[in-house]
């Protein structure tokens, strides 16, 4: 069924229920969000091939009946029906978790949608508190309005912002989107703890919402009518948030500026009609597609601590030949020592200096205690240069594993530092270095692409052009599941002189640098380089 037909169907249900409801206002403010805006927007982003799509009728129909009964026949059973609705919100939140684990920490616009879906159960909890008359420390009307707040400001708003990011994701969006995800929570905390926190939240909210409106005006939509509807929706929030600031002054600082009844009429009507209804109609004119595409690279089935046996076949290099990475690496023009390092790794001596970023050192110290047990990414805290030794072994990952796998076991003295399982895979455009680090019940995969800079090379998990589809650092789970971590790593390798290399390995988390390793790499006597 086309998404617009879903909208008409849900709107029809809402109108029928309203016709049989005695107290239409203000109950319809929450009702239209429950029956129209959230279900329709959810269906607009729901993967039609997902199990969640098949489950939807079995979850939604009892929910519609429960919500309709609460509106038409209010009684002492309202709390039970509110629990039915809360289960529906959990189902939506679970889909948000599902989306996140499929994709991980990439595409902020999709992550914002996930946060919106995850926020909805909070509104469901507040509705339960209201219907059961639980003492929340607030009046019943404030409890009910808090439920509405999490439906509109925390769920619907973030879905709208996520859809906006699908259309246009300029640098300003990277500030606006996270702020709009955090501010509803800041305001909720302010309502609970201190009016000053709420006031600060309101001020930031006003500034961010006006930036959002301006961003929407600068965005190119598929049609002018969609731009008008979406921009009107965002502008309505600019108006309501300004009046909400007056209400904060009234309740928190005892200036009699606006009343709760006036807020219900103005704020409620604007949110429901101009923001919710106009915004939903605007986005339904053309739902922008997600930029995210699931990668399909092979995973290592090896989990937990892994140690090759000394009797296993030893190999000389990390790759058999660098021609694997053509045309992005040209064996004839890249520095000869670099090629020799990858093809004849065991003929080189590595001396490394580990430098943790100052802000990360407390975490590095804690992790150091764990990494000794895991014997994985077991790096010293000191920046003193140390020699790394080790061997490369052939590994058979079985029928469900990767091809031509080799384990590079690196040690500092007799302590294992890394056990990295090297392989390659191709997406039809380029060949990647596919590195797995076995961890308890999982493995971390670094999918790295080679970039040549003259005689130097770069090996990176950062996507720098359209040919680098699979790059990233992923955590594997189950047989075929994985999601992308907010980590990046980049190696730069250059020849200082024949037989001598200098390399840097930088790692970032959420784009913040936390680790740098510098290597001085010296080829032992008996250079095995052969350009033929």
Protein backbone atom coordinates (compact mmCIF):
# COMPACT_ATOMS: atom_id res chain seq x y z
CA UNK A 1 0.00 0.00 0.00
CA UNK A 2 1.43 3.45 -0.90
CA UNK A 3 2.37 5.48 2.15
CA UNK A 4 -0.17 8.18 1.30
CA UNK A 5 -2.95 5.59 1.51
CA UNK A 6 -1.73 4.69 4.99
CA UNK A 7 -2.00 8.37 5.88
CA UNK A 8 -5.58 8.63 4.62
CA UNK A 9 -6.50 5.42 6.43
CA UNK A 10 -5.02 6.54 9.77
CA UNK A 11 -6.56 9.99 9.41
CA UNK A 12 -9.95 8.38 8.76
CA UNK A 13 -9.60 6.28 11.93
CA UNK A 14 -8.70 9.40 13.90
CA UNK A 15 -11.73 11.34 12.60
CA UNK A 16 -14.11 8.48 13.41
CA UNK A 17 -12.78 8.22 16.96
CA UNK A 18 -13.02 11.99 17.45
CA UNK A 19 -16.68 11.94 16.35
CA UNK A 20 -17.47 9.55 19.19
CA UNK A 21 -15.29 11.29 21.78
CA UNK A 22 -17.01 13.51 24.32
CA UNK A 23 -13.97 15.56 25.35
CA UNK A 24 -12.31 16.28 22.00
CA UNK A 25 -10.04 19.05 23.27
CA UNK A 26 -7.30 18.69 24.40
CA UNK A 27 -7.33 14.88 24.13
CA UNK A 28 -7.02 15.04 20.32
CA UNK A 29 -3.54 16.59 20.66
CA UNK A 30 -2.10 13.29 21.82
CA UNK A 31 -4.56 11.14 19.90
CA UNK A 32 -3.56 12.45 16.46
CA UNK A 33 0.11 11.84 17.25
CA UNK A 34 -0.68 8.29 18.41
CA UNK A 35 -2.90 7.34 15.47
CA UNK A 36 -1.67 9.43 12.54
CA UNK A 37 1.72 11.11 12.75
CA UNK A 38 3.85 8.47 14.46
CA UNK A 39 2.41 5.34 12.76
CA UNK A 40 2.55 6.92 9.30
CA UNK A 41 6.08 8.29 9.74
CA UNK A 42 7.16 4.95 11.16
CA UNK A 43 5.77 3.12 8.15
CA UNK A 44 7.52 5.61 5.86
CA UNK A 45 10.95 4.61 7.20
CA UNK A 46 10.16 0.94 7.90
CA UNK A 47 12.02 -1.49 5.66
CA UNK A 48 9.30 -3.33 3.77
CA UNK A 49 11.38 -6.53 3.79
CA UNK A 50 11.94 -6.38 7.55
CA UNK A 51 10.37 -8.79 10.04
CA UNK A 52 9.09 -5.66 11.79
CA UNK A 53 6.94 -4.95 8.73
CA UNK A 54 5.33 -8.39 8.98
CA UNK A 55 4.73 -7.90 12.71
CA UNK A 56 3.17 -4.47 12.32
CA UNK A 57 -0.52 -5.43 11.91
CA UNK A 58 -0.38 -7.73 14.95
CA UNK A 59 1.08 -4.94 17.10
CA UNK A 60 -0.77 -1.97 15.61
CA UNK A 61 -4.37 -3.22 15.52
CA UNK A 62 -4.62 -3.95 19.29
CA UNK A 63 -2.98 -0.58 19.87
CA UNK A 64 -5.56 1.27 17.75
CA UNK A 65 -8.37 -0.51 19.63
CA UNK A 66 -6.81 0.35 23.01
CA UNK A 67 -6.28 4.03 22.13
CA UNK A 68 -9.81 4.30 20.66
CA UNK A 69 -11.35 2.73 23.77
CA UNK A 70 -9.46 5.14 26.05
CA UNK A 71 -10.77 8.11 24.05
CA UNK A 72 -14.39 7.00 23.59
CA UNK A 73 -15.01 5.14 26.88
CA UNK A 74 -12.70 6.63 29.53
CA UNK A 75 -12.72 4.41 32.63
CA UNK A 76 -10.57 2.84 35.32
CA UNK A 77 -9.21 0.50 32.62
CA UNK A 78 -7.39 3.37 30.91
CA UNK A 79 -4.15 2.35 32.62
CA UNK A 80 -4.37 -1.14 31.12
CA UNK A 81 -4.96 0.30 27.64
CA UNK A 82 -2.06 2.70 28.17
CA UNK A 83 0.15 -0.35 28.77
CA UNK A 84 -1.02 -1.73 25.40
CA UNK A 85 0.07 1.52 23.80
CA UNK A 86 3.39 1.41 25.67
CA UNK A 87 4.06 -2.03 24.12
CA UNK A 88 3.53 -0.42 20.71
CA UNK A 89 6.09 2.28 21.56
CA UNK A 90 8.56 -0.43 22.63
CA UNK A 91 8.05 -2.16 19.29
CA UNK A 92 8.93 1.10 17.50
CA UNK A 93 11.96 1.61 19.76
CA UNK A 94 13.14 -1.94 19.05
CA UNK A 95 13.09 -1.13 15.36
CA UNK A 96 15.26 1.90 16.14
CA UNK A 97 17.74 -0.43 17.88
CA UNK A 98 17.54 -2.85 14.96
CA UNK A 99 18.30 -0.05 12.48
CA UNK A 100 21.24 1.09 14.59
CA UNK A 101 22.81 -2.37 14.84
CA UNK A 102 22.51 -2.86 11.10
CA UNK A 103 24.25 0.42 10.38
CA UNK A 104 26.18 1.56 13.47
CA UNK A 105 27.62 5.04 14.00
CA UNK A 106 27.42 6.28 10.43
CA UNK A 107 25.01 8.58 8.61
CA UNK A 108 24.01 10.97 11.37
CA UNK A 109 20.62 11.60 9.75
CA UNK A 110 19.71 7.92 10.24
CA UNK A 111 21.09 7.97 13.78
CA UNK A 112 18.85 10.95 14.57
CA UNK A 113 15.83 8.97 13.33
CA UNK A 114 16.93 6.08 15.58
CA UNK A 115 17.04 8.41 18.59
CA UNK A 116 13.55 9.66 17.74
CA UNK A 117 12.21 6.10 17.67
CA UNK A 118 14.02 5.27 20.92
CA UNK A 119 12.54 8.33 22.64
CA UNK A 120 8.91 7.34 22.06
CA UNK A 121 8.62 4.84 24.98
CA UNK A 122 9.42 7.69 27.35
CA UNK A 123 6.20 9.33 26.21
CA UNK A 124 4.46 5.99 26.72
CA UNK A 125 5.73 5.76 30.30
CA UNK A 126 4.47 9.26 31.10
CA UNK A 127 1.08 8.33 29.65
CA UNK A 128 0.96 5.28 31.94
CA UNK A 129 1.84 7.53 34.88
CA UNK A 130 -1.02 9.85 33.94
CA UNK A 131 -3.64 7.15 33.46
CA UNK A 132 -2.72 5.33 36.69
CA UNK A 133 -2.57 8.67 38.51
CA UNK A 134 0.97 7.96 39.68
CA UNK A 135 2.53 10.74 41.73
CA UNK A 136 5.31 12.06 39.51
CA UNK A 137 5.83 15.22 41.54
CA UNK A 138 3.84 17.19 38.99
CA UNK A 139 0.19 17.96 38.49
CA UNK A 140 -1.73 15.50 36.27
CA UNK A 141 -1.92 18.01 33.41
CA UNK A 142 1.88 18.49 33.45
CA UNK A 143 2.36 14.72 33.45
CA UNK A 144 0.08 14.45 30.44
CA UNK A 145 1.82 17.33 28.67
CA UNK A 146 5.18 15.63 29.27
CA UNK A 147 3.84 12.58 27.44
CA UNK A 148 2.92 14.86 24.53
CA UNK A 149 6.36 16.51 24.70
CA UNK A 150 8.12 13.21 24.04
CA UNK A 151 5.76 12.39 21.17
CA UNK A 152 6.24 15.68 19.34
CA UNK A 153 9.57 17.20 20.39
CA UNK A 154 11.56 14.00 20.91
CA UNK A 155 10.06 11.60 18.34
CA UNK A 156 8.27 13.38 15.49
CA UNK A 157 10.72 16.29 15.45
CA UNK A 158 13.77 14.01 15.20
CA UNK A 159 12.19 11.96 12.41
CA UNK A 160 11.58 15.21 10.50
CA UNK A 161 15.20 16.29 11.10
CA UNK A 162 16.47 12.89 9.98
CA UNK A 163 14.47 13.13 6.76
CA UNK A 164 15.84 16.64 6.23
CA UNK A 165 19.37 15.23 6.54
CA UNK A 166 18.56 12.69 3.84
CA UNK A 167 17.77 15.57 1.50
CA UNK A 168 20.70 17.79 2.46
CA UNK A 169 23.59 17.22 4.87
CA UNK A 170 25.78 20.29 4.92
CA UNK A 171 28.26 21.07 7.75
CA UNK A 172 25.66 23.08 9.71
CA UNK A 173 23.49 19.98 9.94
CA UNK A 174 26.21 18.24 11.97
CA UNK A 175 25.58 20.85 14.70
CA UNK A 176 21.81 21.24 14.40
CA UNK A 177 20.88 17.55 14.44
CA UNK A 178 22.72 16.51 17.66
CA UNK A 179 21.55 19.66 19.44
CA UNK A 180 17.92 18.95 18.57
CA UNK A 181 18.38 15.41 19.87
CA UNK A 182 19.82 16.59 23.20
CA UNK A 183 17.68 19.64 23.97
CA UNK A 184 14.32 17.91 24.65
CA UNK A 185 16.08 15.86 27.30
CA UNK A 186 17.77 18.93 28.73
CA UNK A 187 14.41 20.66 29.01
CA UNK A 188 12.83 17.59 30.61
CA UNK A 189 15.67 17.51 33.18
CA UNK A 190 15.15 21.23 33.77
CA UNK A 191 11.44 20.71 34.46
CA UNK A 192 12.37 18.05 37.02
CA UNK A 193 15.39 19.65 38.68
CA UNK A 194 15.76 23.37 38.09
CA UNK A 195 14.03 26.13 36.11
CA UNK A 196 17.47 27.56 35.35
CA UNK A 197 18.42 24.40 33.44
CA UNK A 198 15.10 24.58 31.64
CA UNK A 199 15.70 28.25 30.79
CA UNK A 200 19.17 27.52 29.36
CA UNK A 201 17.64 24.66 27.37
CA UNK A 202 14.93 26.96 26.04
CA UNK A 203 17.50 29.57 24.95
CA UNK A 204 19.58 26.97 23.06
CA UNK A 205 16.38 25.47 21.67
CA UNK A 206 15.29 28.85 20.28
CA UNK A 207 18.66 29.44 18.60
CA UNK A 208 18.86 25.92 17.19
CA UNK A 209 15.27 25.86 15.93
CA UNK A 210 15.74 29.14 14.03
CA UNK A 211 18.93 27.68 12.53
CA UNK A 212 16.90 24.62 11.56
CA UNK A 213 14.26 26.77 9.87
CA UNK A 214 16.90 28.71 7.96
CA UNK A 215 18.58 25.43 6.98
CA UNK A 216 15.26 24.18 5.64
CA UNK A 217 14.84 27.34 3.55
CA UNK A 218 18.29 26.77 2.01
CA UNK A 219 17.52 23.14 1.17
CA UNK A 220 16.51 22.10 -2.34
CA UNK A 221 13.49 19.79 -2.25
CA UNK A 222 11.95 17.70 -4.99
CA UNK A 223 9.14 20.27 -5.37
CA UNK A 224 8.47 23.82 -4.16
CA UNK A 225 5.22 22.76 -2.47
CA UNK A 226 7.14 20.28 -0.30
CA UNK A 227 9.61 23.01 0.65
CA UNK A 228 6.73 25.27 1.70
CA UNK A 229 5.05 22.60 3.83
CA UNK A 230 8.26 21.43 5.53
CA UNK A 231 9.49 24.98 6.15
CA UNK A 232 6.11 26.03 7.59
CA UNK A 233 6.31 23.04 9.90
CA UNK A 234 9.76 24.02 11.17
CA UNK A 235 8.80 27.70 11.44
CA UNK A 236 5.82 26.79 13.63
CA UNK A 237 8.30 25.39 16.16
CA UNK A 238 10.14 28.72 16.11
CA UNK A 239 6.91 30.37 17.25
CA UNK A 240 5.88 27.79 19.83
CA UNK A 241 9.32 27.64 21.44
CA UNK A 242 9.32 31.40 21.96
CA UNK A 243 5.99 31.20 23.79
CA UNK A 244 7.22 28.15 25.67
CA UNK A 245 9.99 30.36 27.06
CA UNK A 246 7.31 32.67 28.45
CA UNK A 247 5.70 29.70 30.14
CA UNK A 248 9.06 28.75 31.69
CA UNK A 249 9.28 32.26 33.16
CA UNK A 250 5.73 31.87 34.44
CA UNK A 251 6.22 28.50 36.14
CA UNK A 252 9.87 28.65 37.13
CA UNK A 253 10.34 32.32 37.95
CA UNK A 254 6.77 33.33 38.89
CA UNK A 255 6.21 35.96 36.22
CA UNK A 256 2.55 35.78 35.24
CA UNK A 257 2.92 35.90 31.46
CA UNK A 258 0.91 32.96 30.07
CA UNK A 259 -1.43 30.38 31.59
CA UNK A 260 -1.58 26.63 31.10
CA UNK A 261 -4.98 26.96 29.41
CA UNK A 262 -3.61 29.47 26.92
CA UNK A 263 -0.61 27.20 26.28
CA UNK A 264 -2.92 24.27 25.62
CA UNK A 265 -4.83 26.24 23.00
CA UNK A 266 -1.99 28.03 21.23
CA UNK A 267 0.93 25.65 21.77
CA UNK A 268 -1.20 22.55 21.32
CA UNK A 269 -2.95 23.72 18.16
CA UNK A 270 0.29 24.91 16.56
CA UNK A 271 2.11 21.67 17.34
CA UNK A 272 -0.71 19.43 16.16
CA UNK A 273 -1.76 21.32 13.02
CA UNK A 274 1.13 23.44 11.74
CA UNK A 275 4.00 21.25 12.91
CA UNK A 276 2.64 17.70 13.01
CA UNK A 277 -0.02 17.71 10.28
CA UNK A 278 1.59 20.11 7.79
CA UNK A 279 5.01 18.56 8.37
CA UNK A 280 3.80 14.98 7.88
CA UNK A 281 1.89 15.92 4.72
CA UNK A 282 4.98 17.74 3.43
CA UNK A 283 7.30 14.79 3.91
CA UNK A 284 4.78 12.33 2.48
CA UNK A 285 4.90 14.24 -0.81
CA UNK A 286 8.27 12.59 -1.38
CA UNK A 287 9.96 10.47 1.27
CA UNK A 288 13.73 10.91 0.72
CA UNK A 289 15.66 7.67 0.43
CA UNK A 290 18.40 6.72 2.85
CA UNK A 291 21.98 7.07 1.62
CA UNK A 292 23.02 4.03 3.63
CA UNK A 293 23.60 0.76 1.83
CA UNK A 294 24.46 -2.41 3.71
CA UNK A 295 27.95 -3.66 2.84
CA UNK A 296 28.30 -7.34 1.98
CA UNK A 297 31.92 -8.10 2.76
CA UNK A 298 32.93 -11.50 4.24
CA UNK A 299 33.39 -11.86 8.00
CA UNK A 300 35.76 -14.02 9.98
CA UNK A 301 33.94 -16.75 11.98
CA UNK A 302 36.78 -16.85 14.53
CA UNK A 303 35.82 -15.55 17.96
CA UNK A 304 37.43 -15.28 21.40
CA UNK A 305 41.17 -15.56 22.00
CA UNK A 306 42.99 -17.02 19.01
CA UNK A 307 46.57 -18.29 18.93
CA UNK A 308 48.14 -19.97 15.91
CA UNK A 309 50.19 -23.05 16.72
CA UNK A 310 53.92 -23.04 16.20
CA UNK A 311 53.46 -26.07 13.96
CA UNK A 312 51.20 -24.08 11.60
CA UNK A 313 52.60 -23.09 8.24
CA UNK A 314 54.55 -19.85 8.43
CA UNK A 315 54.26 -17.30 5.65
CA UNK A 316 56.65 -14.55 4.67
CA UNK A 317 54.35 -11.59 4.06
CA UNK A 318 50.95 -10.06 4.75
CA UNK A 319 50.06 -10.42 1.05
CA UNK A 320 51.32 -12.68 -1.71
CA UNK A 321 51.68 -9.81 -4.17
CA UNK A 322 50.67 -6.15 -4.22
CA UNK A 323 49.09 -6.47 -7.67
CA UNK A 324 45.96 -7.43 -5.73
CA UNK A 325 45.35 -3.74 -5.06
CA UNK A 326 45.73 -2.44 -8.59
CA UNK A 327 44.84 0.02 -10.04
CA UNK A 328 44.86 1.94 -6.77
CA UNK A 329 48.40 0.77 -6.04
CA UNK A 330 50.98 0.73 -8.84
CA UNK A 331 53.80 -1.67 -7.94
CA UNK A 332 56.15 0.00 -10.39
CA UNK A 333 55.83 3.52 -8.96
CA UNK A 334 55.34 2.98 -5.24
CA UNK A 335 58.51 2.84 -3.11
CA UNK A 336 60.16 -0.57 -3.48
CA UNK A 337 60.70 -1.00 0.25
CA UNK A 338 56.98 -0.52 0.89
CA UNK A 339 56.07 -3.27 -1.56
CA UNK A 340 58.71 -5.51 -0.03
CA UNK A 341 57.36 -4.85 3.46
CA UNK A 342 53.90 -6.18 2.56
CA UNK A 343 55.18 -9.12 0.50
CA UNK A 344 58.09 -10.05 2.78
CA UNK A 345 57.05 -8.73 6.18
CA UNK A 346 59.21 -11.16 8.15
CA UNK A 347 62.38 -9.62 6.72
CA UNK A 348 61.70 -6.38 8.62
CA UNK A 349 62.27 -5.24 12.19
CA UNK A 350 59.59 -3.00 13.75
CA UNK A 351 60.23 -0.50 16.50
CA UNK A 352 57.14 1.30 17.78
CA UNK A 353 56.35 4.27 19.98
CA UNK A 354 52.82 4.40 21.42
CA UNK A 355 51.32 7.81 22.19
CA UNK A 356 47.90 7.97 23.87
CA UNK A 357 46.09 11.29 23.72
CA UNK A 358 46.14 13.02 27.15
CA UNK A 359 42.35 12.98 27.45
CA UNK A 360 42.26 9.22 26.76
CA UNK A 361 45.06 8.10 29.09
CA UNK A 362 42.79 7.27 32.07
CA UNK A 363 40.70 5.02 29.79
CA UNK A 364 43.87 3.54 28.27
CA UNK A 365 45.15 2.63 31.73
CA UNK A 366 41.88 0.85 32.58
CA UNK A 367 41.81 -0.90 29.21
CA UNK A 368 45.43 -1.98 29.65
CA UNK A 369 44.40 -4.25 32.53
CA UNK A 370 41.78 -5.93 30.33
CA UNK A 371 43.89 -6.11 27.18
CA UNK A 372 46.52 -8.20 28.95
CA UNK A 373 43.90 -10.87 29.53
CA UNK A 374 42.52 -10.60 25.99
CA UNK A 375 45.98 -10.47 24.42
CA UNK A 376 44.53 -8.09 21.85
CA UNK A 377 45.39 -4.44 21.16
CA UNK A 378 47.58 -4.87 24.24
CA UNK A 379 49.57 -1.65 24.01
CA UNK A 380 51.79 -0.16 26.72
CA UNK A 381 50.98 3.15 28.38
CA UNK A 382 54.56 4.42 28.06
CA UNK A 383 55.64 6.19 24.88
CA UNK A 384 59.11 4.66 25.12
CA UNK A 385 60.14 3.02 21.86
CA UNK A 386 59.83 -0.76 21.96
CA UNK A 387 60.61 -3.52 19.48
CA UNK A 388 57.77 -5.63 18.11
CA UNK A 389 58.53 -9.19 17.07
CA UNK A 390 56.35 -11.97 15.72
CA UNK A 391 55.41 -14.29 12.91
CA UNK A 392 52.83 -14.72 10.18
CA UNK A 393 50.86 -17.98 10.03
CA UNK A 394 48.43 -19.46 7.53
CA UNK A 395 44.89 -19.74 8.93
CA UNK A 396 42.01 -21.88 7.69
CA UNK A 397 38.68 -20.23 8.59
CA UNK A 398 36.64 -23.09 7.15
CA UNK A 399 33.86 -23.14 4.58
CA UNK A 400 32.14 -20.06 6.05
CA UNK A 401 35.26 -17.97 6.44
CA UNK A 402 37.41 -15.78 4.24
CA UNK A 403 39.99 -16.90 1.71
CA UNK A 404 43.78 -16.92 2.01
CA UNK A 405 43.80 -15.80 5.64
CA UNK A 406 47.01 -15.24 7.57
CA UNK A 407 47.51 -14.34 11.22
CA UNK A 408 50.14 -11.76 12.11
CA UNK A 409 51.04 -12.25 15.75
CA UNK A 410 52.99 -9.33 17.18
CA UNK A 411 54.70 -9.32 20.57
CA UNK A 412 56.58 -6.91 22.80
CA UNK A 413 59.13 -9.07 24.53
CA UNK A 414 57.07 -12.21 25.22
CA UNK A 415 53.73 -10.44 25.67
CA UNK A 416 51.27 -10.69 22.77
CA UNK A 417 50.19 -7.27 21.51
CA UNK A 418 48.10 -8.05 18.41
CA UNK A 419 46.63 -11.14 16.80
CA UNK A 420 45.31 -9.81 13.49
CA UNK A 421 43.83 -12.09 10.84
CA UNK A 422 44.58 -10.61 7.40
CA UNK A 423 42.59 -11.30 4.25
CA UNK A 424 41.25 -9.40 1.25
CA UNK A 425 37.92 -8.95 -0.45
CA UNK A 426 36.67 -7.03 -3.47
CA UNK A 427 33.39 -5.20 -4.07
CA UNK A 428 33.92 -5.21 -7.82
CA UNK A 429 35.44 -1.73 -7.79
CA UNK A 430 38.42 -2.03 -5.49
CA UNK A 431 40.12 -4.64 -3.34
CA UNK A 432 40.24 -4.03 0.42
CA UNK A 433 42.47 -5.29 3.17
CA UNK A 434 40.05 -7.15 5.45
CA UNK A 435 41.57 -7.47 8.95
CA UNK A 436 39.82 -9.29 11.81
CA UNK A 437 40.81 -9.03 15.47
CA UNK A 438 39.19 -11.88 17.48
CA UNK A 439 37.52 -10.70 20.70
CA UNK A 440 35.31 -12.45 23.29
CA UNK A 441 32.15 -13.68 21.47
CA UNK A 442 32.85 -11.33 18.54
CA UNK A 443 35.52 -9.92 16.27
CA UNK A 444 36.43 -6.42 15.21
CA UNK A 445 36.92 -5.95 11.47
CA UNK A 446 38.97 -3.19 9.91
CA UNK A 447 38.10 -2.79 6.23
CA UNK A 448 40.89 -0.63 4.82
CA UNK A 449 41.54 0.83 1.40
CA UNK A 450 44.92 1.63 -0.16
CA UNK A 451 45.59 5.09 -1.55
CA UNK A 452 48.86 5.87 -3.31
CA UNK A 453 50.50 9.29 -2.93
CA UNK A 454 53.47 9.22 -5.26
CA UNK A 455 55.92 6.74 -3.72
CA UNK A 456 54.06 6.79 -0.39
CA UNK A 457 50.90 4.92 0.54
CA UNK A 458 47.96 5.46 2.83
CA UNK A 459 45.82 2.67 4.24
CA UNK A 460 42.60 4.00 5.73
CA UNK A 461 39.15 3.12 7.08
CA UNK A 462 37.90 6.62 6.20
CA UNK A 463 35.72 6.89 3.11
CA UNK A 464 37.32 9.52 0.89
CA UNK A 465 35.60 8.88 -2.45
CA UNK A 466 32.75 6.96 -4.02
CA UNK A 467 34.93 3.91 -4.74
CA UNK A 468 35.47 3.21 -1.02
CA UNK A 469 32.08 1.70 -0.22
CA UNK A 470 33.07 -0.87 2.40
CA UNK A 471 35.69 0.98 4.43
CA UNK A 472 35.18 1.26 8.17
CA UNK A 473 35.70 -0.50 11.48
CA UNK A 474 32.95 -2.97 12.31
CA UNK A 475 31.99 -5.20 15.21
CA UNK A 476 30.74 -8.61 14.09
CA UNK A 477 28.02 -10.54 15.90
CA UNK A 478 26.28 -13.82 15.15
CA UNK A 479 27.03 -15.42 11.80
CA UNK A 480 26.53 -12.49 9.45
CA UNK A 481 25.69 -9.49 11.62
CA UNK A 482 27.85 -6.45 12.11
CA UNK A 483 27.60 -2.72 12.66
CA UNK A 484 30.00 0.11 12.18
CA UNK A 485 31.85 1.54 15.17
CA UNK A 486 32.59 5.26 15.63
CA UNK A 487 36.27 4.48 15.10
CA UNK A 488 38.62 5.28 12.25
CA UNK A 489 42.22 4.34 11.61
CA UNK A 490 44.74 5.52 9.06
CA UNK A 491 48.26 4.30 8.27
CA UNK A 492 50.78 6.44 6.40
CA UNK A 493 53.85 4.62 5.17
CA UNK A 494 56.83 6.16 3.45
CA UNK A 495 60.33 5.14 2.48
CA UNK A 496 63.06 7.11 4.27
CA UNK A 497 65.84 5.36 2.39
CA UNK A 498 66.18 2.00 0.65
CA UNK A 499 65.33 -0.67 3.22
CA UNK A 500 64.05 1.84 5.80
CA UNK A 501 60.44 2.92 6.38
CA UNK A 502 58.64 5.33 8.64
CA UNK A 503 54.95 4.76 9.43
CA UNK A 504 52.27 6.41 11.53
CA UNK A 505 49.07 4.75 12.68
CA UNK A 506 46.40 7.17 13.93
CA UNK A 507 43.08 6.22 15.50
CA UNK A 508 40.06 8.41 16.22
CA UNK A 509 36.84 7.88 18.11
CA UNK A 510 33.93 10.14 17.10
CA UNK A 511 36.61 12.04 15.12
CA UNK A 512 38.60 12.69 18.32
CA UNK A 513 42.22 11.46 18.16
CA UNK A 514 43.03 9.01 20.96
CA UNK A 515 45.99 6.93 19.75
CA UNK A 516 49.06 7.43 17.59
CA UNK A 517 51.68 4.78 16.94
CA UNK A 518 54.87 5.64 15.10
CA UNK A 519 56.95 2.88 13.56
CA UNK A 520 60.56 2.83 12.49
CA UNK A 521 60.79 -0.16 10.18
CA UNK A 522 64.16 -1.51 9.09
CA UNK A 523 64.74 -4.25 6.53
CA UNK A 524 67.10 -6.96 7.67
CA UNK A 525 70.03 -8.08 5.54
CA UNK A 526 69.09 -10.07 2.49
CA UNK A 527 66.58 -7.82 0.72
CA UNK A 528 64.18 -10.05 -1.19
CA UNK A 529 62.86 -7.32 -3.50
CA UNK A 530 62.27 -8.47 -7.05
CA UNK A 531 60.33 -6.11 -9.27
CA UNK A 532 59.63 -8.92 -11.70
